[in-house]
Amino acid sequence: MLKIILATCINIAVAFSSDNIKILAEDLPPFSYSDSNRDITGIAVEIVKELSSKFNHSGNIDLSSWNRAYNLVKNNDGYVLFPMSRNAKRENLFKWVGPLFNSTAYLYKLKSSDLNKNSFESAKKV
């Protein structure tokens, strides 16, 4: 366990050790968004700002569309993107640091409903 934690800390330190690294965030409230003063904020933003300050990075974050940010990170060095869901399709495309948080999705129905869907695939058909 200690090796994993240490390796993660080293990866974070390397990622944020220079202002040459551009930090991108998708507009995804409440994780990352622009508030009424046009300040970039949110749960994930606060975590990334705190991490960047510990590693002497300015913490400047650019809010971007998902497509633009994803393509910049996928095709160029020197970019960090958050929040991003980790999945099998993306696993080998990026160097992963984190997670910042875990999330779970649930499907709900009215008690009186006769729907019986046990997966997202079956729910898509409704």
N, C-alpha and C. Protein backbone atom coordinates (compact mmCIF):
# COMPACT_ATOMS: atom_id res chain seq x y z
N MET A 1 0.83 -1.20 0.00
CA MET A 1 0.00 0.00 0.00
C MET A 1 0.87 1.25 0.00
N LEU A 2 1.91 1.27 0.77
CA LEU A 2 2.79 2.44 0.85
C LEU A 2 3.42 2.74 -0.50
N LYS A 3 3.80 1.72 -1.26
CA LYS A 3 4.40 1.92 -2.57
C LYS A 3 3.43 2.61 -3.51
N ILE A 4 2.16 2.23 -3.47
CA ILE A 4 1.17 2.84 -4.33
C ILE A 4 0.97 4.31 -3.97
N ILE A 5 0.88 4.60 -2.69
CA ILE A 5 0.70 5.99 -2.24
C ILE A 5 1.91 6.83 -2.62
N LEU A 6 3.10 6.29 -2.41
CA LEU A 6 4.33 7.02 -2.73
C LEU A 6 4.42 7.26 -4.24
N ALA A 7 4.12 6.24 -5.03
CA ALA A 7 4.16 6.39 -6.48
C ALA A 7 3.17 7.45 -6.94
N THR A 8 1.99 7.48 -6.36
CA THR A 8 0.99 8.47 -6.72
C THR A 8 1.48 9.87 -6.37
N CYS A 9 2.09 10.04 -5.20
CA CYS A 9 2.61 11.35 -4.79
C CYS A 9 3.72 11.80 -5.73
N ILE A 10 4.59 10.88 -6.15
CA ILE A 10 5.66 11.23 -7.08
C ILE A 10 5.07 11.66 -8.41
N ASN A 11 4.06 10.92 -8.90
CA ASN A 11 3.42 11.27 -10.17
C ASN A 11 2.76 12.64 -10.10
N ILE A 12 2.10 12.93 -9.00
CA ILE A 12 1.47 14.23 -8.83
C ILE A 12 2.53 15.33 -8.81
N ALA A 13 3.61 15.10 -8.09
CA ALA A 13 4.69 16.09 -8.00
C ALA A 13 5.27 16.39 -9.37
N VAL A 14 5.50 15.36 -10.17
CA VAL A 14 6.04 15.56 -11.51
C VAL A 14 5.04 16.31 -12.38
N ALA A 15 3.77 15.94 -12.29
CA ALA A 15 2.74 16.56 -13.12
C ALA A 15 2.61 18.05 -12.84
N PHE A 16 2.72 18.46 -11.58
CA PHE A 16 2.49 19.85 -11.22
C PHE A 16 3.76 20.64 -10.97
N SER A 17 4.94 20.06 -11.20
CA SER A 17 6.18 20.72 -10.81
C SER A 17 6.53 21.91 -11.69
N SER A 18 5.81 22.11 -12.76
CA SER A 18 6.13 23.20 -13.66
C SER A 18 4.87 23.89 -14.15
N ASP A 19 4.96 25.20 -14.33
CA ASP A 19 3.82 25.91 -14.91
C ASP A 19 3.71 25.66 -16.41
N ASN A 20 4.63 24.86 -16.96
CA ASN A 20 4.49 24.46 -18.36
C ASN A 20 3.34 23.48 -18.54
N ILE A 21 2.87 22.91 -17.44
CA ILE A 21 1.72 22.02 -17.47
C ILE A 21 0.45 22.88 -17.46
N LYS A 22 -0.41 22.68 -18.43
CA LYS A 22 -1.68 23.41 -18.51
C LYS A 22 -2.78 22.53 -17.92
N ILE A 23 -3.51 23.06 -16.97
CA ILE A 23 -4.57 22.31 -16.31
C ILE A 23 -5.91 22.70 -16.93
N LEU A 24 -6.63 21.70 -17.43
CA LEU A 24 -7.91 21.91 -18.08
C LEU A 24 -9.00 21.23 -17.27
N ALA A 25 -10.16 21.85 -17.22
CA ALA A 25 -11.32 21.27 -16.56
C ALA A 25 -12.51 21.39 -17.49
N GLU A 26 -13.34 20.36 -17.47
CA GLU A 26 -14.59 20.40 -18.21
C GLU A 26 -15.62 21.16 -17.37
N ASP A 27 -16.53 21.86 -18.02
CA ASP A 27 -17.62 22.52 -17.31
C ASP A 27 -18.61 21.44 -16.89
N LEU A 28 -18.50 20.99 -15.63
CA LEU A 28 -19.30 19.87 -15.13
C LEU A 28 -19.69 20.12 -13.67
N PRO A 29 -20.67 21.02 -13.45
CA PRO A 29 -21.08 21.29 -12.07
C PRO A 29 -21.58 20.03 -11.39
N PRO A 30 -21.38 19.86 -10.14
CA PRO A 30 -20.73 20.72 -9.15
C PRO A 30 -19.22 20.48 -9.05
N PHE A 31 -18.67 19.65 -9.95
CA PHE A 31 -17.25 19.31 -9.87
C PHE A 31 -16.35 20.43 -10.37
N SER A 32 -16.71 21.03 -11.49
CA SER A 32 -15.94 22.14 -12.05
C SER A 32 -16.88 23.01 -12.90
N TYR A 33 -16.85 24.31 -12.62
CA TYR A 33 -17.73 25.23 -13.34
C TYR A 33 -17.28 26.67 -13.09
N SER A 34 -17.84 27.58 -13.86
CA SER A 34 -17.58 29.01 -13.70
C SER A 34 -18.74 29.62 -12.92
N ASP A 35 -18.42 30.30 -11.81
CA ASP A 35 -19.48 30.88 -10.98
C ASP A 35 -19.93 32.23 -11.55
N SER A 36 -20.81 32.92 -10.84
CA SER A 36 -21.36 34.20 -11.32
C SER A 36 -20.30 35.28 -11.50
N ASN A 37 -19.15 35.14 -10.84
CA ASN A 37 -18.04 36.09 -11.00
C ASN A 37 -17.04 35.63 -12.06
N ARG A 38 -17.39 34.55 -12.77
CA ARG A 38 -16.53 33.93 -13.78
C ARG A 38 -15.28 33.29 -13.19
N ASP A 39 -15.30 33.02 -11.89
CA ASP A 39 -14.21 32.29 -11.25
C ASP A 39 -14.48 30.80 -11.44
N ILE A 40 -13.42 30.04 -11.72
CA ILE A 40 -13.56 28.60 -11.88
C ILE A 40 -13.53 27.98 -10.50
N THR A 41 -14.56 27.21 -10.20
CA THR A 41 -14.72 26.65 -8.87
C THR A 41 -15.36 25.27 -8.96
N GLY A 42 -15.58 24.66 -7.84
CA GLY A 42 -16.23 23.37 -7.77
C GLY A 42 -15.45 22.41 -6.88
N ILE A 43 -16.05 21.30 -6.58
CA ILE A 43 -15.43 20.33 -5.67
C ILE A 43 -14.08 19.87 -6.20
N ALA A 44 -14.02 19.42 -7.44
CA ALA A 44 -12.77 18.92 -8.02
C ALA A 44 -11.75 20.05 -8.19
N VAL A 45 -12.22 21.24 -8.53
CA VAL A 45 -11.32 22.38 -8.70
C VAL A 45 -10.59 22.69 -7.40
N GLU A 46 -11.31 22.68 -6.29
CA GLU A 46 -10.68 22.97 -5.00
C GLU A 46 -9.60 21.93 -4.67
N ILE A 47 -9.86 20.68 -4.98
CA ILE A 47 -8.86 19.63 -4.72
C ILE A 47 -7.62 19.85 -5.59
N VAL A 48 -7.82 20.12 -6.88
CA VAL A 48 -6.69 20.31 -7.79
C VAL A 48 -5.91 21.56 -7.44
N LYS A 49 -6.59 22.64 -7.05
CA LYS A 49 -5.89 23.86 -6.64
C LYS A 49 -5.02 23.60 -5.41
N GLU A 50 -5.55 22.86 -4.47
CA GLU A 50 -4.78 22.53 -3.26
C GLU A 50 -3.56 21.69 -3.61
N LEU A 51 -3.72 20.70 -4.45
CA LEU A 51 -2.58 19.87 -4.88
C LEU A 51 -1.54 20.71 -5.62
N SER A 52 -1.99 21.56 -6.53
CA SER A 52 -1.05 22.36 -7.30
C SER A 52 -0.26 23.31 -6.42
N SER A 53 -0.89 23.87 -5.38
CA SER A 53 -0.17 24.78 -4.48
C SER A 53 0.92 24.04 -3.71
N LYS A 54 0.67 22.79 -3.37
CA LYS A 54 1.66 22.01 -2.63
C LYS A 54 2.87 21.68 -3.49
N PHE A 55 2.71 21.74 -4.82
CA PHE A 55 3.81 21.41 -5.72
C PHE A 55 4.28 22.63 -6.51
N ASN A 56 4.04 23.81 -5.95
CA ASN A 56 4.54 25.07 -6.52
C ASN A 56 4.09 25.33 -7.95
N HIS A 57 2.89 24.94 -8.27
CA HIS A 57 2.28 25.25 -9.56
C HIS A 57 1.32 26.41 -9.32
N SER A 58 1.15 27.28 -10.29
CA SER A 58 0.28 28.44 -10.13
C SER A 58 -1.17 28.06 -9.84
N GLY A 59 -1.57 26.89 -10.28
CA GLY A 59 -2.95 26.47 -10.07
C GLY A 59 -3.93 27.08 -11.05
N ASN A 60 -3.41 27.74 -12.10
CA ASN A 60 -4.30 28.29 -13.12
C ASN A 60 -5.01 27.15 -13.85
N ILE A 61 -6.31 27.26 -13.92
CA ILE A 61 -7.13 26.23 -14.55
C ILE A 61 -7.96 26.89 -15.64
N ASP A 62 -7.97 26.27 -16.83
CA ASP A 62 -8.79 26.75 -17.93
C ASP A 62 -10.02 25.86 -18.03
N LEU A 63 -11.19 26.48 -18.06
CA LEU A 63 -12.43 25.75 -18.27
C LEU A 63 -12.63 25.61 -19.77
N SER A 64 -12.91 24.41 -20.22
CA SER A 64 -12.97 24.14 -21.65
C SER A 64 -14.12 23.19 -21.95
N SER A 65 -14.48 23.14 -23.22
CA SER A 65 -15.46 22.13 -23.63
C SER A 65 -14.81 20.76 -23.50
N TRP A 66 -15.63 19.75 -23.28
CA TRP A 66 -15.10 18.39 -23.14
C TRP A 66 -14.31 17.98 -24.39
N ASN A 67 -14.85 18.18 -25.57
CA ASN A 67 -14.17 17.75 -26.80
C ASN A 67 -12.82 18.41 -26.97
N ARG A 68 -12.75 19.70 -26.77
CA ARG A 68 -11.49 20.43 -26.93
C ARG A 68 -10.46 19.93 -25.92
N ALA A 69 -10.84 19.87 -24.66
CA ALA A 69 -9.91 19.46 -23.61
C ALA A 69 -9.45 18.01 -23.81
N TYR A 70 -10.38 17.13 -24.09
CA TYR A 70 -10.06 15.72 -24.27
C TYR A 70 -9.07 15.53 -25.42
N ASN A 71 -9.30 16.22 -26.54
CA ASN A 71 -8.40 16.10 -27.68
C ASN A 71 -7.03 16.70 -27.41
N LEU A 72 -6.98 17.82 -26.69
CA LEU A 72 -5.69 18.41 -26.33
C LEU A 72 -4.87 17.44 -25.48
N VAL A 73 -5.51 16.86 -24.49
CA VAL A 73 -4.81 15.94 -23.59
C VAL A 73 -4.41 14.66 -24.30
N LYS A 74 -5.29 14.17 -25.15
CA LYS A 74 -5.04 12.91 -25.84
C LYS A 74 -3.92 13.04 -26.87
N ASN A 75 -3.79 14.20 -27.50
CA ASN A 75 -2.87 14.35 -28.62
C ASN A 75 -1.63 15.19 -28.34
N ASN A 76 -1.50 15.72 -27.12
CA ASN A 76 -0.37 16.62 -26.82
C ASN A 76 0.17 16.35 -25.42
N ASP A 77 1.46 16.57 -25.25
CA ASP A 77 2.05 16.52 -23.92
C ASP A 77 1.83 17.85 -23.23
N GLY A 78 1.91 17.86 -21.92
CA GLY A 78 1.86 19.10 -21.17
C GLY A 78 0.48 19.54 -20.72
N TYR A 79 -0.51 18.66 -20.81
CA TYR A 79 -1.86 18.99 -20.39
C TYR A 79 -2.35 18.01 -19.33
N VAL A 80 -3.14 18.53 -18.41
CA VAL A 80 -3.82 17.74 -17.39
C VAL A 80 -5.30 18.04 -17.52
N LEU A 81 -6.15 17.00 -17.46
CA LEU A 81 -7.59 17.19 -17.57
C LEU A 81 -8.30 16.53 -16.40
N PHE A 82 -9.23 17.25 -15.85
CA PHE A 82 -10.09 16.70 -14.80
C PHE A 82 -11.45 17.37 -14.89
N PRO A 83 -12.51 16.85 -14.36
CA PRO A 83 -12.63 15.46 -13.97
C PRO A 83 -12.83 14.60 -15.21
N MET A 84 -12.32 13.38 -15.17
CA MET A 84 -12.46 12.45 -16.28
C MET A 84 -12.74 11.07 -15.72
N SER A 85 -13.73 10.42 -16.27
CA SER A 85 -14.04 9.07 -15.83
C SER A 85 -13.03 8.10 -16.41
N ARG A 86 -12.56 7.22 -15.56
CA ARG A 86 -11.61 6.20 -15.98
C ARG A 86 -12.39 4.98 -16.43
N ASN A 87 -12.14 4.54 -17.67
CA ASN A 87 -12.82 3.36 -18.18
C ASN A 87 -11.86 2.56 -19.06
N ALA A 88 -12.28 1.38 -19.46
CA ALA A 88 -11.41 0.48 -20.22
C ALA A 88 -10.95 1.11 -21.53
N LYS A 89 -11.81 1.83 -22.20
CA LYS A 89 -11.46 2.45 -23.49
C LYS A 89 -10.34 3.51 -23.33
N ARG A 90 -10.33 4.22 -22.22
CA ARG A 90 -9.35 5.30 -21.99
C ARG A 90 -8.12 4.84 -21.22
N GLU A 91 -8.18 3.68 -20.63
CA GLU A 91 -7.14 3.23 -19.69
C GLU A 91 -5.72 3.42 -20.21
N ASN A 92 -5.44 3.00 -21.42
CA ASN A 92 -4.07 3.07 -21.95
C ASN A 92 -3.76 4.34 -22.71
N LEU A 93 -4.70 5.26 -22.78
CA LEU A 93 -4.47 6.51 -23.50
C LEU A 93 -3.80 7.58 -22.63
N PHE A 94 -3.91 7.44 -21.30
CA PHE A 94 -3.47 8.50 -20.40
C PHE A 94 -2.63 7.96 -19.26
N LYS A 95 -1.89 8.85 -18.62
CA LYS A 95 -1.24 8.56 -17.35
C LYS A 95 -2.20 9.05 -16.28
N TRP A 96 -2.70 8.14 -15.48
CA TRP A 96 -3.75 8.46 -14.52
C TRP A 96 -3.17 8.84 -13.17
N VAL A 97 -3.73 9.87 -12.57
CA VAL A 97 -3.41 10.27 -11.20
C VAL A 97 -4.74 10.40 -10.48
N GLY A 98 -4.83 9.82 -9.33
CA GLY A 98 -6.09 9.96 -8.60
C GLY A 98 -6.58 8.61 -8.14
N PRO A 99 -7.80 8.48 -7.83
CA PRO A 99 -8.94 9.32 -8.21
C PRO A 99 -9.11 10.53 -7.30
N LEU A 100 -9.76 11.56 -7.82
CA LEU A 100 -10.15 12.70 -7.00
C LEU A 100 -11.34 12.32 -6.13
N PHE A 101 -12.23 11.49 -6.68
CA PHE A 101 -13.41 11.03 -5.96
C PHE A 101 -14.00 9.87 -6.74
N ASN A 102 -14.87 9.13 -6.12
CA ASN A 102 -15.60 8.05 -6.76
C ASN A 102 -17.06 8.43 -6.84
N SER A 103 -17.71 8.02 -7.91
CA SER A 103 -19.15 8.29 -8.02
C SER A 103 -19.87 7.02 -8.45
N THR A 104 -21.12 6.96 -8.10
CA THR A 104 -21.96 5.83 -8.42
C THR A 104 -23.28 6.35 -8.97
N ALA A 105 -23.82 5.65 -9.93
CA ALA A 105 -25.11 6.03 -10.51
C ALA A 105 -26.15 4.99 -10.14
N TYR A 106 -27.37 5.44 -9.92
CA TYR A 106 -28.47 4.57 -9.56
C TYR A 106 -29.65 4.85 -10.47
N LEU A 107 -30.43 3.83 -10.73
CA LEU A 107 -31.68 3.97 -11.46
C LEU A 107 -32.83 3.86 -10.46
N TYR A 108 -33.82 4.74 -10.61
CA TYR A 108 -34.97 4.74 -9.71
C TYR A 108 -36.25 4.60 -10.52
N LYS A 109 -37.26 4.05 -9.90
CA LYS A 109 -38.57 3.97 -10.52
C LYS A 109 -39.62 4.17 -9.44
N LEU A 110 -40.81 4.51 -9.87
CA LEU A 110 -41.92 4.61 -8.93
C LEU A 110 -42.22 3.22 -8.39
N LYS A 111 -42.59 3.16 -7.16
CA LYS A 111 -42.94 1.88 -6.53
C LYS A 111 -44.08 1.20 -7.28
N SER A 112 -44.98 2.01 -7.82
CA SER A 112 -46.15 1.48 -8.53
C SER A 112 -45.82 1.02 -9.96
N SER A 113 -44.61 1.31 -10.44
CA SER A 113 -44.23 0.98 -11.82
C SER A 113 -43.92 -0.51 -11.96
N ASP A 114 -44.26 -1.07 -13.13
CA ASP A 114 -43.94 -2.47 -13.39
C ASP A 114 -42.63 -2.63 -14.17
N LEU A 115 -41.90 -1.55 -14.37
CA LEU A 115 -40.60 -1.64 -15.03
C LEU A 115 -39.65 -2.49 -14.20
N ASN A 116 -38.90 -3.35 -14.87
CA ASN A 116 -37.94 -4.18 -14.17
C ASN A 116 -36.64 -4.17 -14.96
N LYS A 117 -35.87 -3.11 -14.80
CA LYS A 117 -34.61 -2.95 -15.52
C LYS A 117 -33.47 -3.09 -14.53
N ASN A 118 -32.54 -3.98 -14.83
CA ASN A 118 -31.45 -4.26 -13.90
C ASN A 118 -30.09 -3.80 -14.42
N SER A 119 -30.07 -3.12 -15.56
CA SER A 119 -28.80 -2.65 -16.10
C SER A 119 -29.04 -1.37 -16.90
N PHE A 120 -27.96 -0.61 -17.16
CA PHE A 120 -28.09 0.59 -17.96
C PHE A 120 -28.50 0.23 -19.39
N GLU A 121 -27.99 -0.88 -19.91
CA GLU A 121 -28.33 -1.30 -21.26
C GLU A 121 -29.83 -1.55 -21.40
N SER A 122 -30.42 -2.27 -20.45
CA SER A 122 -31.85 -2.52 -20.52
C SER A 122 -32.66 -1.25 -20.28
N ALA A 123 -32.14 -0.34 -19.47
CA ALA A 123 -32.84 0.92 -19.20
C ALA A 123 -32.84 1.83 -20.43
N LYS A 124 -31.82 1.75 -21.27
CA LYS A 124 -31.75 2.58 -22.47
C LYS A 124 -32.91 2.31 -23.42
N LYS A 125 -33.48 1.13 -23.34
CA LYS A 125 -34.56 0.74 -24.24
C LYS A 125 -35.91 1.30 -23.82
N VAL A 126 -35.98 1.89 -22.65
CA VAL A 126 -37.25 2.41 -22.14
C VAL A 126 -37.53 3.77 -22.75
